[in-house]
């Protein structure tokens, strides 16, 4: 199973501009994903779908994703607005006022969580959402399960983007997942960078953004002293491909750009490929 992921799209950063920079970056990623072979089984769009919570940007988002050859599953981030999203996407699966739902995808079960608290930059996960997650995990304790959400529940080292591990929502999520051996991973957005970290017996992976990326700077930051450090950089738009092999989730990241090719599979390299594959154990019929 192959699951594509995009995140932190931020449509509407340039208000009322259908051809804005962030839309151009999104279109490049979606065109690349649609042309992939093998084709993804689905696409996850993990929050900060638009920048200002407005209806026009959600309409442009819906148009951008229309016509893709695979289904799209959405999560909400801190720049999103639940009511406006629900108006433009009436088919969205809300439960208890939160965009949280199950995707049964054959060998893998996805639980999409809602970590939005409107008016707050960081994540949230209240008792009601924790109860929903516990119930969903309890009803299928042996199903290989992927958690999908916007905010990572971990520190990432970039001081102004960090999640403080002492935040109560982090412990609520941890309690729901603690001791469960069937969770194959947690995929997130929010950081605008590709990052992995082990947490509570599983792996958290954040996807790079289609909008501009966050600069990699691991120095402490002083909110009272603007030090002219780089914060946002226009690296190429990124995406993730999560390959589930029936046992583990393997995450790859790439960017939508013209890569410089240094070697191709031609007659000169055929011998190397044959030798590498011949080293592997013979498959059983």
Protein backbone atom coordinates (compact mmCIF):
# COMPACT_ATOMS: atom_id res chain seq x y z
CA UNK A 1 0.00 0.00 0.00
CA UNK A 2 1.30 3.44 -0.94
CA UNK A 3 0.02 6.57 0.84
CA UNK A 4 0.98 10.04 -0.37
CA UNK A 5 0.96 13.02 1.98
CA UNK A 6 0.96 16.78 1.49
CA UNK A 7 0.71 19.34 4.24
CA UNK A 8 0.84 23.02 5.14
CA UNK A 9 -0.53 24.24 1.82
CA UNK A 10 -1.53 27.70 3.10
CA UNK A 11 -3.71 28.63 0.14
CA UNK A 12 -4.86 32.24 0.46
CA UNK A 13 -1.61 33.56 1.92
CA UNK A 14 -1.95 35.99 -0.98
CA UNK A 15 -5.66 36.80 -0.57
CA UNK A 16 -7.94 36.54 -3.61
CA UNK A 17 -5.05 35.53 -5.88
CA UNK A 18 -5.99 32.33 -7.78
CA UNK A 19 -2.45 32.06 -9.20
CA UNK A 20 -0.63 32.69 -5.93
CA UNK A 21 2.82 31.27 -5.22
CA UNK A 22 1.47 28.64 -2.81
CA UNK A 23 -1.06 27.41 -5.40
CA UNK A 24 1.67 27.06 -8.00
CA UNK A 25 3.74 25.00 -5.56
CA UNK A 26 0.75 22.79 -4.70
CA UNK A 27 -0.07 22.20 -8.36
CA UNK A 28 3.50 21.05 -9.04
CA UNK A 29 3.30 18.48 -6.23
CA UNK A 30 -0.15 17.20 -7.21
CA UNK A 31 0.90 16.80 -10.85
CA UNK A 32 3.91 14.76 -9.77
CA UNK A 33 1.84 12.55 -7.47
CA UNK A 34 -0.82 11.95 -10.13
CA UNK A 35 1.86 10.78 -12.57
CA UNK A 36 3.61 8.41 -10.14
CA UNK A 37 4.03 4.73 -10.95
CA UNK A 38 2.97 2.90 -8.89
CA UNK A 39 0.09 5.23 -8.22
CA UNK A 40 -0.65 6.11 -4.58
CA UNK A 41 -3.71 4.44 -3.10
CA UNK A 42 -4.71 7.66 -1.36
CA UNK A 43 -3.53 11.15 -0.48
CA UNK A 44 -3.46 12.62 3.02
CA UNK A 45 -3.68 16.43 3.29
CA UNK A 46 -2.66 17.04 6.89
CA UNK A 47 -3.70 20.52 7.83
CA UNK A 48 -3.04 24.20 7.36
CA UNK A 49 -4.90 23.60 4.14
CA UNK A 50 -5.49 27.32 3.80
CA UNK A 51 -3.95 30.32 5.52
CA UNK A 52 -6.78 32.53 6.80
CA UNK A 53 -9.82 30.27 7.25
CA UNK A 54 -11.78 31.90 4.43
CA UNK A 55 -14.33 30.23 2.17
CA UNK A 56 -12.76 31.38 -1.10
CA UNK A 57 -9.49 29.66 -0.28
CA UNK A 58 -11.28 26.42 0.63
CA UNK A 59 -13.11 26.57 -2.70
CA UNK A 60 -9.78 26.94 -4.51
CA UNK A 61 -8.41 24.06 -2.45
CA UNK A 62 -11.31 21.84 -3.48
CA UNK A 63 -10.76 22.77 -7.12
CA UNK A 64 -7.02 22.03 -6.86
CA UNK A 65 -7.69 18.49 -5.58
CA UNK A 66 -10.52 17.72 -8.00
CA UNK A 67 -9.77 15.15 -10.69
CA UNK A 68 -6.98 13.35 -8.84
CA UNK A 69 -6.85 9.59 -9.57
CA UNK A 70 -6.98 8.66 -5.87
CA UNK A 71 -9.10 9.69 -2.86
CA UNK A 72 -8.04 12.57 -0.60
CA UNK A 73 -8.42 12.50 3.19
CA UNK A 74 -8.13 15.77 5.10
CA UNK A 75 -6.98 16.75 8.58
CA UNK A 76 -7.18 20.24 10.06
CA UNK A 77 -4.36 22.46 11.30
CA UNK A 78 -4.12 25.67 13.28
CA UNK A 79 -4.76 27.88 10.22
CA UNK A 80 -7.98 26.06 9.37
CA UNK A 81 -11.57 26.85 10.33
CA UNK A 82 -13.89 23.93 11.09
CA UNK A 83 -17.16 25.63 10.19
CA UNK A 84 -15.93 27.02 6.89
CA UNK A 85 -14.24 23.74 5.96
CA UNK A 86 -17.47 21.86 6.70
CA UNK A 87 -19.42 24.29 4.52
CA UNK A 88 -17.16 23.70 1.50
CA UNK A 89 -16.63 19.98 2.20
CA UNK A 90 -20.08 18.81 3.39
CA UNK A 91 -19.03 15.17 2.98
CA UNK A 92 -16.39 15.60 5.73
CA UNK A 93 -16.75 13.18 8.65
CA UNK A 94 -17.11 15.19 11.85
CA UNK A 95 -17.68 13.47 15.19
CA UNK A 96 -18.56 15.48 18.28
CA UNK A 97 -17.70 18.68 16.43
CA UNK A 98 -14.21 17.49 15.49
CA UNK A 99 -12.90 16.31 12.12
CA UNK A 100 -11.97 12.80 13.27
CA UNK A 101 -12.75 9.62 11.40
CA UNK A 102 -11.65 6.13 10.39
CA UNK A 103 -10.32 5.11 6.98
CA UNK A 104 -10.36 1.34 6.53
CA UNK A 105 -7.82 0.70 3.79
CA UNK A 106 -7.42 -3.06 3.58
CA UNK A 107 -4.16 -3.97 5.29
CA UNK A 108 -4.00 -0.68 7.17
CA UNK A 109 -6.48 1.25 9.30
CA UNK A 110 -6.09 5.02 9.49
CA UNK A 111 -7.37 7.15 12.36
CA UNK A 112 -7.49 10.82 11.39
CA UNK A 113 -7.37 13.08 14.46
CA UNK A 114 -8.28 16.73 14.95
CA UNK A 115 -5.57 18.67 16.84
CA UNK A 116 -6.97 22.13 16.07
CA UNK A 117 -7.79 24.57 18.84
CA UNK A 118 -8.95 27.70 17.10
CA UNK A 119 -6.95 30.75 18.17
CA UNK A 120 -3.95 28.67 19.23
CA UNK A 121 -0.84 28.02 17.16
CA UNK A 122 0.07 24.75 18.87
CA UNK A 123 -1.89 21.54 19.09
CA UNK A 124 -4.76 20.39 21.25
CA UNK A 125 -6.30 17.05 22.18
CA UNK A 126 -9.07 17.30 24.74
CA UNK A 127 -10.71 14.57 26.81
CA UNK A 128 -13.51 14.14 24.25
CA UNK A 129 -11.04 13.55 21.43
CA UNK A 130 -8.99 11.21 23.61
CA UNK A 131 -12.12 9.20 24.42
CA UNK A 132 -12.92 8.91 20.71
CA UNK A 133 -9.39 7.68 19.94
CA UNK A 134 -9.43 5.15 22.77
CA UNK A 135 -12.77 3.79 21.57
CA UNK A 136 -11.54 3.42 18.00
CA UNK A 137 -8.35 1.68 19.12
CA UNK A 138 -10.24 -0.62 21.49
CA UNK A 139 -12.67 -1.76 18.80
CA UNK A 140 -9.86 -3.09 16.57
CA UNK A 141 -6.91 -3.87 18.89
CA UNK A 142 -5.11 -6.08 16.38
CA UNK A 143 -5.53 -3.92 13.28
CA UNK A 144 -2.35 -2.33 11.97
CA UNK A 145 -3.13 1.34 12.53
CA UNK A 146 -1.71 4.64 11.31
CA UNK A 147 -2.45 7.86 13.22
CA UNK A 148 -2.88 10.97 11.05
CA UNK A 149 -2.87 14.50 12.52
CA UNK A 150 -1.50 17.98 11.96
CA UNK A 151 0.57 18.76 15.07
CA UNK A 152 3.46 16.48 16.08
CA UNK A 153 3.38 15.61 19.79
CA UNK A 154 7.16 15.95 20.10
CA UNK A 155 9.94 18.49 20.35
CA UNK A 156 11.72 18.91 17.02
CA UNK A 157 14.62 21.20 18.02
CA UNK A 158 13.44 24.29 16.11
CA UNK A 159 12.68 26.50 19.09
CA UNK A 160 9.87 28.63 17.69
CA UNK A 161 8.05 25.59 16.23
CA UNK A 162 8.53 23.15 19.12
CA UNK A 163 5.79 21.29 20.93
CA UNK A 164 6.48 21.42 24.65
CA UNK A 165 6.27 17.82 25.96
CA UNK A 166 4.71 19.19 29.15
CA UNK A 167 1.60 20.39 27.32
CA UNK A 168 -1.44 18.49 28.66
CA UNK A 169 -2.66 17.49 25.20
CA UNK A 170 0.57 15.57 24.57
CA UNK A 171 0.04 13.41 27.65
CA UNK A 172 -3.61 12.73 26.70
CA UNK A 173 -2.49 11.46 23.32
CA UNK A 174 0.34 9.46 24.87
CA UNK A 175 -2.03 7.77 27.32
CA UNK A 176 -4.31 6.71 24.47
CA UNK A 177 -1.42 5.15 22.55
CA UNK A 178 0.70 3.81 25.40
CA UNK A 179 1.11 0.03 25.39
CA UNK A 180 -0.56 -0.51 22.02
CA UNK A 181 1.61 -2.59 19.73
CA UNK A 182 -0.53 -2.21 16.60
CA UNK A 183 0.19 1.48 15.89
CA UNK A 184 2.67 1.55 12.99
CA UNK A 185 3.29 5.29 13.07
CA UNK A 186 2.03 8.85 13.42
CA UNK A 187 2.21 11.13 10.38
CA UNK A 188 1.97 14.88 10.87
CA UNK A 189 2.60 18.25 9.31
CA UNK A 190 2.97 21.69 10.94
CA UNK A 191 6.78 21.88 11.03
CA UNK A 192 7.29 22.51 7.28
CA UNK A 193 10.22 20.08 7.36
CA UNK A 194 10.89 16.34 7.08
CA UNK A 195 11.60 14.99 10.57
CA UNK A 196 11.36 11.59 12.31
CA UNK A 197 11.50 10.74 16.00
CA UNK A 198 10.62 7.72 18.13
CA UNK A 199 7.80 8.36 20.58
CA UNK A 200 5.70 6.11 22.82
CA UNK A 201 6.78 2.93 21.07
CA UNK A 202 6.12 4.17 17.55
CA UNK A 203 7.59 6.65 15.04
CA UNK A 204 6.42 10.22 14.42
CA UNK A 205 7.14 11.48 10.89
CA UNK A 206 6.46 15.05 9.77
CA UNK A 207 6.02 15.89 6.10
CA UNK A 208 7.67 18.85 4.38
CA UNK A 209 5.26 21.52 3.22
CA UNK A 210 4.04 22.38 -0.25
CA UNK A 211 4.22 26.01 0.91
CA UNK A 212 7.71 27.40 1.68
CA UNK A 213 9.73 25.50 4.26
CA UNK A 214 10.88 26.43 7.75
CA UNK A 215 14.62 27.12 7.94
CA UNK A 216 16.70 24.58 9.86
CA UNK A 217 18.08 26.50 12.83
CA UNK A 218 18.55 24.68 16.16
CA UNK A 219 19.64 27.70 18.21
CA UNK A 220 17.53 28.91 21.13
CA UNK A 221 15.34 31.88 20.28
CA UNK A 222 14.64 34.98 22.39
CA UNK A 223 11.16 36.43 21.82
CA UNK A 224 12.47 39.84 22.93
CA UNK A 225 15.50 39.95 20.60
CA UNK A 226 14.89 39.71 16.82
CA UNK A 227 18.25 38.37 15.66
CA UNK A 228 17.64 38.39 11.88
CA UNK A 229 17.83 34.60 11.59
CA UNK A 230 16.20 32.91 8.60
CA UNK A 231 12.70 31.68 9.43
CA UNK A 232 11.05 30.76 6.11
CA UNK A 233 12.89 29.66 2.96
CA UNK A 234 11.68 28.92 -0.57
CA UNK A 235 13.08 25.40 -0.89
CA UNK A 236 11.19 23.28 -3.46
CA UNK A 237 7.71 22.08 -2.45
CA UNK A 238 7.80 18.72 -0.70
CA UNK A 239 5.67 15.67 -0.06
CA UNK A 240 5.86 12.25 1.60
CA UNK A 241 5.25 8.72 0.38
CA UNK A 242 4.44 6.18 3.09
CA UNK A 243 4.85 2.61 1.90
CA UNK A 244 3.21 -0.03 4.07
CA UNK A 245 4.73 -3.43 3.34
CA UNK A 246 2.28 -5.37 5.49
CA UNK A 247 4.48 -5.12 8.58
CA UNK A 248 6.12 -1.69 8.88
CA UNK A 249 5.52 1.80 7.53
CA UNK A 250 8.41 3.10 5.43
CA UNK A 251 8.46 6.87 4.82
CA UNK A 252 10.15 8.57 1.86
CA UNK A 253 10.30 12.31 1.22
CA UNK A 254 10.79 14.06 -2.08
CA UNK A 255 10.42 17.46 -3.71
CA UNK A 256 8.62 18.53 -6.87
CA UNK A 257 11.51 19.81 -8.94
CA UNK A 258 13.66 18.77 -11.86
CA UNK A 259 16.24 16.45 -10.30
CA UNK A 260 19.66 16.26 -11.93
CA UNK A 261 20.00 12.66 -13.16
CA UNK A 262 23.48 11.17 -12.93
CA UNK A 263 22.74 7.54 -13.82
CA UNK A 264 19.96 5.55 -15.50
CA UNK A 265 19.20 1.84 -15.66
CA UNK A 266 20.85 1.04 -18.98
CA UNK A 267 23.01 -1.77 -20.34
CA UNK A 268 26.04 -0.44 -18.48
CA UNK A 269 24.36 -0.85 -15.09
CA UNK A 270 22.34 -3.97 -15.80
CA UNK A 271 25.03 -6.25 -14.39
CA UNK A 272 25.10 -4.37 -11.10
CA UNK A 273 21.31 -4.61 -10.75
CA UNK A 274 21.34 -8.33 -11.58
CA UNK A 275 24.09 -8.97 -9.03
CA UNK A 276 22.31 -7.03 -6.27
CA UNK A 277 19.00 -8.83 -6.81
CA UNK A 278 20.67 -12.25 -7.05
CA UNK A 279 22.05 -11.82 -3.52
CA UNK A 280 18.56 -11.89 -2.03
CA UNK A 281 16.88 -15.05 -0.75
CA UNK A 282 14.75 -16.86 -3.31
CA UNK A 283 11.04 -16.18 -2.89
CA UNK A 284 8.77 -19.05 -1.98
CA UNK A 285 5.89 -19.84 -4.33
